[in-house]
Amino acid sequence: MLVVAVRYGAYPLVMGAMATVATVVFLGVLPAWPTLLIAAAASIGAVALLERLQPFERAWQRDHGDTRADVLHGVVNFGLLAGTAYGLHALRTAVPAAIAWPATWPVWVQCLFAGAILDLGLYTMHRVSHRFAWAWRLHAIHHSAERLYWLNGERRHPLSALLMAGPGLLVVVALGAPALIVSVWLAILSVHLAFQHANLDYSVGTLRRWLGTAELHRWHHKREYENAQVNFGEFWLVWDRVFGTFLDRPGDVGAGDVGLREDTVPAAYGAQLRWPFQPALRTIGPRDAAFHAALTQGYAALDARDAAAAYAAFERAHVLGQPRTRTHVRSHVAFLRWAIRRRDTREIAGQLFRIVAAALFTWLWMPRGNTGGARVSAFARMPISAEITNITEGNPR
């Protein structure tokens, strides 16, 4: 009975207690500072204690040489969080609230509204952090953990934390959100992030499809990078469902399944802060090699006036290059050169449009499995050969 109570009661009880404290603060019974900080720290401490009582993976209870650095990450990032909340209070006393903010709404509705804006900003910047190399180097520290436990939620380079949270915070502040509303949501979010990465055997039932809890977020930390491009949501999974990155698959992600497959991030905190700015050693993986080979074959066929073979090669290149902006655009440029050589005005127009779409939106969302030619809808999925499937499901680079 204790196992069941912890499994299904941990999240609602701890988050409910945090929400109760927030309500008391909203009513003016207790001051926001330092009440929210104390309540958040106590709630996160409860998650840490529950982990010891009922772990999801016993191997993750052992120190992997990461505890010291993770504690320092937590102290620094909790300091940034508290400083942000304090700064918002100071800023809002000096700057009147904008009329754009729905100040007449009930405070909890305002809080959820602010949370939705912040969560969309976090989701967007999280996708950016996985798409662009400069942002990934900062974010990779978070994914370098060889285990998941309550402190992983704050295992972030400070610049990565600012990059992810900054845009959403700027929007809610610009709209005129009261500082108290934002502070309450940040406190709640910090507790939720402890649950999101917790080494705790708990469940939220069917709500796992809508809340970014550990059950589904563990897939995001898969060692195989191509399998980790899912469940980006920080608090809600609504944005993952809207933009096609939601995954709810049977099975568990356990010991040995998380971390980085290629990059080696140092264990010391100071070294982790310096690591993103050191030159990255880039190796060409099988996916990159296959992409370049397909382009080379296509251009050779085009020069040999074999239009069908060239088109087929560019289709292979598109499937291989589609997940990344640079290679995605290059595949459509190849199609465009084919169309110009063939004087195919329909294909020329279609590829010009797709080049722009690929350049602007690959990082956000693109329909996977389309062969890239303008002869079919961009949303149509085409049969992909087993050879290409084996490569795309292997090394992502």
Protein backbone atom coordinates (compact mmCIF):
# COMPACT_ATOMS: atom_id res chain seq x y z
CA MET A 1 0.00 0.00 0.00
CA LEU A 2 2.90 2.32 0.72
CA VAL A 3 4.32 1.69 -2.76
CA VAL A 4 0.98 2.52 -4.37
CA ALA A 5 0.53 5.59 -2.17
CA VAL A 6 3.93 6.98 -3.17
CA ARG A 7 3.51 6.04 -6.82
CA TYR A 8 0.20 7.80 -7.30
CA GLY A 9 0.22 10.30 -4.44
CA ALA A 10 3.71 11.84 -4.60
CA TYR A 11 3.12 14.30 -7.43
CA PRO A 12 -0.39 15.51 -6.50
CA LEU A 13 0.46 15.84 -2.79
CA VAL A 14 3.74 17.73 -3.20
CA MET A 15 2.51 19.91 -6.05
CA GLY A 16 -0.77 20.43 -4.20
CA ALA A 17 1.12 21.61 -1.11
CA MET A 18 3.11 24.02 -3.28
CA ALA A 19 -0.11 25.33 -4.84
CA THR A 20 -1.60 25.79 -1.35
CA VAL A 21 1.36 27.92 -0.27
CA ALA A 22 1.03 29.92 -3.49
CA THR A 23 -2.65 30.53 -2.73
CA VAL A 24 -1.77 31.79 0.75
CA VAL A 25 0.74 34.16 -0.85
CA PHE A 26 -1.87 35.32 -3.37
CA LEU A 27 -4.23 36.09 -0.47
CA GLY A 28 -1.56 38.25 1.17
CA VAL A 29 -1.34 36.12 4.31
CA LEU A 30 2.39 35.55 3.77
CA PRO A 31 4.90 37.62 1.78
CA ALA A 32 6.12 36.27 -1.55
CA TRP A 33 9.72 36.65 -0.43
CA PRO A 34 11.05 34.43 1.04
CA THR A 35 7.92 32.25 1.38
CA LEU A 36 7.98 30.95 -2.19
CA LEU A 37 11.68 30.17 -2.02
CA ILE A 38 11.30 28.24 1.24
CA ALA A 39 8.26 26.35 -0.04
CA ALA A 40 9.98 25.43 -3.30
CA ALA A 41 13.10 24.26 -1.47
CA ALA A 42 11.01 22.16 0.95
CA SER A 43 9.02 20.62 -1.91
CA ILE A 44 12.15 19.75 -3.86
CA GLY A 45 13.61 18.29 -0.68
CA ALA A 46 10.51 16.10 -0.40
CA VAL A 47 11.13 14.79 -3.93
CA ALA A 48 14.73 13.97 -3.00
CA LEU A 49 13.59 12.07 0.11
CA LEU A 50 10.92 10.15 -1.81
CA GLU A 51 13.61 9.06 -4.28
CA ARG A 52 15.47 7.35 -1.44
CA LEU A 53 12.28 5.69 -0.27
CA GLN A 54 11.07 4.41 -3.64
CA PRO A 55 13.58 4.79 -6.50
CA PHE A 56 12.70 4.15 -10.12
CA GLU A 57 16.21 2.85 -10.85
CA ARG A 58 18.42 1.79 -7.95
CA ALA A 59 21.59 2.24 -10.01
CA TRP A 60 20.78 5.95 -10.27
CA GLN A 61 20.92 6.33 -6.49
CA ARG A 62 24.69 5.89 -6.65
CA ASP A 63 26.91 8.92 -7.18
CA HIS A 64 28.20 8.86 -10.76
CA GLY A 65 30.87 11.46 -10.02
CA ASP A 66 28.31 14.14 -10.80
CA THR A 67 26.83 15.09 -7.43
CA ARG A 68 29.26 17.90 -6.60
CA ALA A 69 28.85 19.59 -9.97
CA ASP A 70 25.07 19.11 -9.89
CA VAL A 71 24.85 20.73 -6.45
CA LEU A 72 26.78 23.74 -7.75
CA HIS A 73 24.54 23.90 -10.82
CA GLY A 74 21.53 23.83 -8.52
CA VAL A 75 22.85 26.58 -6.25
CA VAL A 76 23.75 28.85 -9.18
CA ASN A 77 20.54 28.26 -11.12
CA PHE A 78 18.27 28.52 -8.08
CA GLY A 79 20.10 31.79 -7.36
CA LEU A 80 19.34 32.95 -10.91
CA LEU A 81 15.70 31.95 -10.45
CA ALA A 82 15.38 33.77 -7.12
CA GLY A 83 17.23 36.78 -8.51
CA THR A 84 14.91 36.87 -11.51
CA ALA A 85 11.84 36.80 -9.27
CA TYR A 86 13.26 39.51 -7.01
CA GLY A 87 14.24 41.61 -10.04
CA LEU A 88 10.74 41.30 -11.48
CA HIS A 89 9.25 42.57 -8.24
CA ALA A 90 11.63 45.53 -8.25
CA LEU A 91 10.95 46.25 -11.92
CA ARG A 92 7.18 46.06 -11.55
CA THR A 93 7.17 48.58 -8.69
CA ALA A 94 8.97 51.04 -10.98
CA VAL A 95 7.06 50.31 -14.21
CA PRO A 96 3.25 50.33 -14.28
CA ALA A 97 1.51 47.21 -15.55
CA ALA A 98 0.66 47.29 -19.23
CA ILE A 99 -2.98 47.34 -20.23
CA ALA A 100 -2.40 44.23 -22.36
CA TRP A 101 -2.33 42.01 -19.29
CA PRO A 102 -5.74 40.54 -18.23
CA ALA A 103 -5.47 41.91 -14.69
CA THR A 104 -9.19 41.38 -14.01
CA TRP A 105 -8.91 37.61 -14.39
CA PRO A 106 -8.72 35.46 -11.23
CA VAL A 107 -5.13 35.25 -10.02
CA TRP A 108 -4.84 31.51 -10.67
CA VAL A 109 -6.09 31.96 -14.24
CA GLN A 110 -3.51 34.71 -14.69
CA CYS A 111 -0.86 32.39 -13.28
CA LEU A 112 -1.76 29.59 -15.71
CA PHE A 113 -1.84 32.09 -18.58
CA ALA A 114 1.65 33.33 -17.68
CA GLY A 115 2.74 29.71 -17.35
CA ALA A 116 1.45 28.90 -20.84
CA ILE A 117 3.44 31.78 -22.35
CA LEU A 118 6.58 30.85 -20.44
CA ASP A 119 6.15 27.19 -21.34
CA LEU A 120 5.81 27.97 -25.05
CA GLY A 121 8.98 30.07 -24.82
CA LEU A 122 10.81 27.24 -23.06
CA TYR A 123 9.60 24.70 -25.62
CA THR A 124 10.70 26.89 -28.51
CA MET A 125 14.14 27.60 -27.10
CA HIS A 126 14.50 23.94 -26.12
CA ARG A 127 13.98 23.02 -29.77
CA VAL A 128 16.51 25.69 -30.75
CA SER A 129 18.98 24.19 -28.27
CA HIS A 130 18.73 20.84 -30.02
CA ARG A 131 18.85 22.24 -33.55
CA PHE A 132 21.78 24.66 -33.63
CA ALA A 133 25.31 23.60 -32.74
CA TRP A 134 26.16 26.75 -30.71
CA ALA A 135 23.07 26.30 -28.54
CA TRP A 136 23.50 22.53 -28.28
CA ARG A 137 27.00 22.92 -26.85
CA LEU A 138 25.48 24.85 -23.95
CA HIS A 139 22.51 22.52 -23.58
CA ALA A 140 24.51 19.30 -23.93
CA ILE A 141 25.68 19.66 -20.34
CA HIS A 142 22.11 18.96 -19.26
CA HIS A 143 22.03 15.80 -21.40
CA SER A 144 25.46 14.60 -20.35
CA ALA A 145 24.12 13.16 -17.09
CA GLU A 146 24.52 9.37 -16.93
CA ARG A 147 21.56 9.11 -14.54
CA LEU A 148 18.32 10.96 -13.91
CA TYR A 149 17.47 12.18 -10.42
CA TRP A 150 15.88 15.20 -8.72
CA LEU A 151 18.84 17.54 -9.21
CA ASN A 152 19.11 17.03 -12.99
CA GLY A 153 16.45 19.65 -13.61
CA GLU A 154 18.96 22.33 -12.66
CA ARG A 155 21.99 20.73 -14.34
CA ARG A 156 22.24 23.51 -16.90
CA HIS A 157 24.91 25.92 -18.03
CA PRO A 158 23.80 29.35 -16.73
CA LEU A 159 23.84 30.73 -20.29
CA SER A 160 21.64 27.85 -21.42
CA ALA A 161 19.21 28.57 -18.58
CA LEU A 162 19.04 32.23 -19.59
CA LEU A 163 18.67 31.34 -23.28
CA MET A 164 15.77 29.01 -22.61
CA ALA A 165 13.86 31.14 -20.11
CA GLY A 166 14.70 34.63 -21.40
CA PRO A 167 12.30 35.00 -24.37
CA GLY A 168 9.22 33.82 -22.44
CA LEU A 169 10.05 36.03 -19.47
CA LEU A 170 10.50 39.04 -21.73
CA VAL A 171 7.08 38.44 -23.29
CA VAL A 172 5.18 38.12 -20.00
CA VAL A 173 6.95 41.16 -18.53
CA ALA A 174 6.30 43.18 -21.70
CA LEU A 175 2.61 42.23 -21.49
CA GLY A 176 2.54 43.59 -17.96
CA ALA A 177 2.27 40.41 -15.92
CA PRO A 178 2.41 41.20 -12.18
CA ALA A 179 5.67 40.10 -10.62
CA LEU A 180 3.82 38.00 -8.04
CA ILE A 181 2.13 35.98 -10.80
CA VAL A 182 5.46 35.24 -12.50
CA SER A 183 7.22 34.46 -9.21
CA VAL A 184 4.57 31.94 -8.21
CA TRP A 185 4.80 30.18 -11.54
CA LEU A 186 8.61 30.03 -11.42
CA ALA A 187 8.44 28.50 -7.94
CA ILE A 188 5.92 25.88 -9.10
CA LEU A 189 7.98 25.16 -12.21
CA SER A 190 11.13 24.56 -10.15
CA VAL A 191 9.34 21.85 -8.15
CA HIS A 192 7.88 20.31 -11.30
CA LEU A 193 11.37 20.13 -12.86
CA ALA A 194 12.56 18.12 -9.85
CA PHE A 195 9.72 15.67 -10.52
CA GLN A 196 10.42 15.70 -14.27
CA HIS A 197 13.92 14.29 -13.74
CA ALA A 198 13.27 12.41 -10.50
CA ASN A 199 14.58 8.91 -9.91
CA LEU A 200 11.23 8.18 -8.33
CA ASP A 201 8.79 5.39 -9.08
CA TYR A 202 5.72 7.59 -9.50
CA SER A 203 2.93 8.08 -12.02
CA VAL A 204 0.31 10.68 -12.88
CA GLY A 205 -1.81 8.20 -14.81
CA THR A 206 -3.30 9.40 -18.08
CA LEU A 207 -2.16 12.94 -17.28
CA ARG A 208 1.32 11.85 -18.40
CA ARG A 209 0.12 12.64 -21.94
CA TRP A 210 -0.31 16.28 -20.97
CA LEU A 211 2.19 16.91 -18.17
CA GLY A 212 5.95 16.79 -18.70
CA THR A 213 6.64 14.29 -15.92
CA ALA A 214 9.39 11.70 -15.69
CA GLU A 215 7.46 8.87 -17.33
CA LEU A 216 7.70 10.44 -20.76
CA HIS A 217 10.53 12.91 -20.24
CA ARG A 218 13.02 10.07 -19.78
CA TRP A 219 12.68 9.40 -23.51
CA HIS A 220 14.07 12.88 -24.09
CA HIS A 221 17.30 11.87 -22.36
CA LYS A 222 17.91 8.75 -24.45
CA ARG A 223 21.57 8.23 -25.30
CA GLU A 224 20.66 7.76 -28.97
CA TYR A 225 20.33 11.40 -30.05
CA GLU A 226 17.83 10.66 -32.83
CA ASN A 227 15.46 9.09 -30.28
CA ALA A 228 15.75 12.08 -27.94
CA GLN A 229 14.05 14.61 -30.23
CA VAL A 230 10.75 14.14 -28.40
CA ASN A 231 8.89 15.44 -25.34
CA PHE A 232 10.59 18.85 -25.17
CA GLY A 233 7.88 20.34 -22.96
CA GLU A 234 8.98 21.63 -19.57
CA PHE A 235 5.65 21.72 -17.75
CA TRP A 236 3.05 20.76 -20.34
CA LEU A 237 3.30 18.46 -23.35
CA VAL A 238 0.68 20.46 -25.26
CA TRP A 239 3.31 22.03 -27.52
CA ASP A 240 4.83 18.62 -28.27
CA ARG A 241 1.42 17.39 -29.35
CA VAL A 242 0.80 20.49 -31.49
CA PHE A 243 4.22 20.42 -33.21
CA GLY A 244 4.60 16.66 -33.63
CA THR A 245 7.32 15.91 -31.07
CA PHE A 246 5.16 13.98 -28.60
CA LEU A 247 6.07 10.35 -27.83
CA ASP A 248 4.25 7.95 -25.54
CA ARG A 249 5.82 4.55 -26.10
CA PRO A 250 5.61 1.45 -23.90
CA GLY A 251 8.82 0.55 -22.11
CA ASP A 252 11.18 2.15 -19.64
CA VAL A 253 14.37 4.14 -20.02
CA GLY A 254 16.73 2.92 -17.32
CA ALA A 255 20.37 2.58 -16.32
CA GLY A 256 22.74 2.77 -19.28
CA ASP A 257 20.10 4.35 -21.53
CA VAL A 258 20.72 8.04 -20.85
CA GLY A 259 23.58 10.43 -21.46
CA LEU A 260 25.55 11.41 -24.56
CA ARG A 261 26.74 8.93 -27.15
CA GLU A 262 29.57 10.95 -28.63
CA ASP A 263 30.50 14.05 -26.64
CA THR A 264 32.45 13.72 -23.40
CA VAL A 265 31.56 16.45 -20.92
CA PRO A 266 33.98 16.88 -17.97
CA ALA A 267 32.76 16.10 -14.47
CA ALA A 268 34.01 19.24 -12.69
CA TYR A 269 31.66 22.22 -12.51
CA GLY A 270 34.20 24.82 -13.68
CA ALA A 271 35.29 22.60 -16.56
CA GLN A 272 31.64 22.18 -17.59
CA LEU A 273 31.22 25.95 -17.73
CA ARG A 274 34.25 26.21 -20.05
CA TRP A 275 33.48 23.15 -22.16
CA PRO A 276 30.93 24.73 -24.58
CA PHE A 277 33.51 27.30 -25.67
CA GLN A 278 36.26 24.81 -26.47
CA PRO A 279 36.65 23.68 -30.10
CA ALA A 280 34.44 20.70 -30.79
CA LEU A 281 36.01 17.69 -32.43
CA ARG A 282 33.66 16.87 -35.28
CA THR A 283 33.60 13.46 -36.87
CA ILE A 284 31.56 12.62 -39.91
CA GLY A 285 29.06 9.93 -39.09
CA PRO A 286 27.38 7.49 -41.48
CA ARG A 287 24.36 9.73 -41.98
CA ASP A 288 26.48 12.69 -43.09
CA ALA A 289 28.57 10.42 -45.30
CA ALA A 290 25.45 8.95 -46.91
CA PHE A 291 24.00 12.43 -47.46
CA HIS A 292 27.13 13.70 -49.21
CA ALA A 293 27.37 10.50 -51.26
CA ALA A 294 23.76 10.88 -52.42
CA LEU A 295 24.34 14.50 -53.47
CA THR A 296 27.52 13.55 -55.33
CA GLN A 297 25.74 10.72 -57.13
CA GLY A 298 22.86 13.02 -58.03
CA TYR A 299 25.06 15.74 -59.49
CA ALA A 300 27.09 13.14 -61.41
CA ALA A 301 23.87 11.70 -62.87
CA LEU A 302 22.67 15.20 -63.71
CA ASP A 303 25.89 15.92 -65.59
CA ALA A 304 25.44 12.62 -67.41
CA ARG A 305 21.90 13.75 -68.41
CA ASP A 306 20.31 10.90 -66.47
CA ALA A 307 17.44 12.91 -64.98
CA ALA A 308 15.67 9.95 -63.34
CA ALA A 309 18.80 8.75 -61.51
CA ALA A 310 19.62 12.30 -60.41
CA TYR A 311 16.13 12.85 -59.04
CA ALA A 312 16.22 9.56 -57.15
CA ALA A 313 19.60 10.43 -55.62
CA PHE A 314 18.36 13.85 -54.50
CA GLU A 315 15.34 12.17 -52.91
CA ARG A 316 17.73 10.01 -50.86
CA ALA A 317 19.73 13.08 -49.92
CA HIS A 318 16.58 14.87 -48.78
CA VAL A 319 15.47 12.06 -46.46
CA LEU A 320 18.96 11.89 -44.97
CA GLY A 321 19.44 15.66 -44.64
CA GLN A 322 15.95 16.73 -43.60
CA PRO A 323 16.43 16.79 -39.80
CA ARG A 324 19.01 19.61 -39.97
CA THR A 325 18.51 23.02 -41.54
CA ARG A 326 21.78 23.19 -43.47
CA THR A 327 21.54 19.78 -45.11
CA HIS A 328 17.78 20.13 -45.61
CA VAL A 329 18.26 23.35 -47.56
CA ARG A 330 21.11 21.83 -49.58
CA SER A 331 18.89 18.94 -50.66
CA HIS A 332 16.26 21.35 -52.00
CA VAL A 333 18.94 23.41 -53.78
CA ALA A 334 19.93 20.18 -55.54
CA PHE A 335 16.31 19.66 -56.63
CA LEU A 336 16.21 23.27 -57.82
CA ARG A 337 19.31 22.77 -59.97
CA TRP A 338 17.68 19.64 -61.42
CA ALA A 339 14.52 21.62 -62.22
CA ILE A 340 16.45 24.47 -63.83
CA ARG A 341 18.42 22.01 -65.96
CA ARG A 342 15.15 20.35 -67.00
CA ARG A 343 13.32 23.69 -67.40
CA ASP A 344 10.53 22.33 -65.22
CA THR A 345 8.73 25.51 -64.10
CA ARG A 346 6.45 23.68 -61.66
CA GLU A 347 9.40 22.06 -59.94
CA ILE A 348 11.33 25.34 -59.91
CA ALA A 349 8.46 27.15 -58.18
CA GLY A 350 7.93 24.31 -55.74
CA GLN A 351 11.59 24.08 -54.78
CA LEU A 352 11.96 27.85 -54.32
CA PHE A 353 9.10 27.72 -51.84
CA ARG A 354 10.56 24.67 -50.08
CA ILE A 355 14.00 26.23 -49.78
CA VAL A 356 12.49 29.17 -47.89
CA ALA A 357 10.36 26.87 -45.70
CA ALA A 358 13.34 24.61 -44.93
CA ALA A 359 15.54 27.58 -44.02
CA LEU A 360 12.95 29.09 -41.68
CA PHE A 361 11.13 26.16 -40.10
CA THR A 362 13.29 23.00 -40.08
CA TRP A 363 14.27 23.66 -36.46
CA LEU A 364 10.61 23.89 -35.44
CA TRP A 365 8.85 21.13 -37.35
CA MET A 366 8.94 19.41 -40.74
CA PRO A 367 6.96 16.37 -41.91
CA ARG A 368 9.43 13.45 -41.80
CA GLY A 369 9.54 10.82 -44.51
CA ASN A 370 8.78 13.07 -47.47
CA THR A 371 11.23 12.65 -50.36
CA GLY A 372 11.43 16.39 -51.04
CA GLY A 373 10.35 16.59 -54.66
CA ALA A 374 7.70 19.12 -55.63
CA ARG A 375 5.81 16.46 -57.55
CA VAL A 376 4.10 15.38 -54.32
CA SER A 377 2.62 17.24 -51.36
CA ALA A 378 5.10 18.28 -48.69
CA PHE A 379 2.92 16.42 -46.19
CA ALA A 380 2.81 13.16 -48.14
CA ARG A 381 4.93 10.36 -46.75
CA MET A 382 6.74 8.32 -49.36
CA PRO A 383 8.08 4.75 -49.09
CA ILE A 384 11.65 4.87 -47.83
CA SER A 385 14.12 2.13 -48.72
CA ALA A 386 15.43 -0.17 -46.00
CA GLU A 387 18.94 1.08 -46.69
CA ILE A 388 18.01 4.67 -45.85
CA THR A 389 15.87 3.61 -42.88
CA ASN A 390 18.82 1.76 -41.36
CA ILE A 391 20.95 4.89 -41.62
CA THR A 392 18.34 7.31 -40.31
CA GLU A 393 17.63 5.08 -37.31
CA GLY A 394 21.32 4.78 -36.56
CA ASN A 395 23.74 7.71 -36.27
CA PRO A 396 21.86 11.05 -36.51
CA ARG A 397 24.76 13.10 -37.81
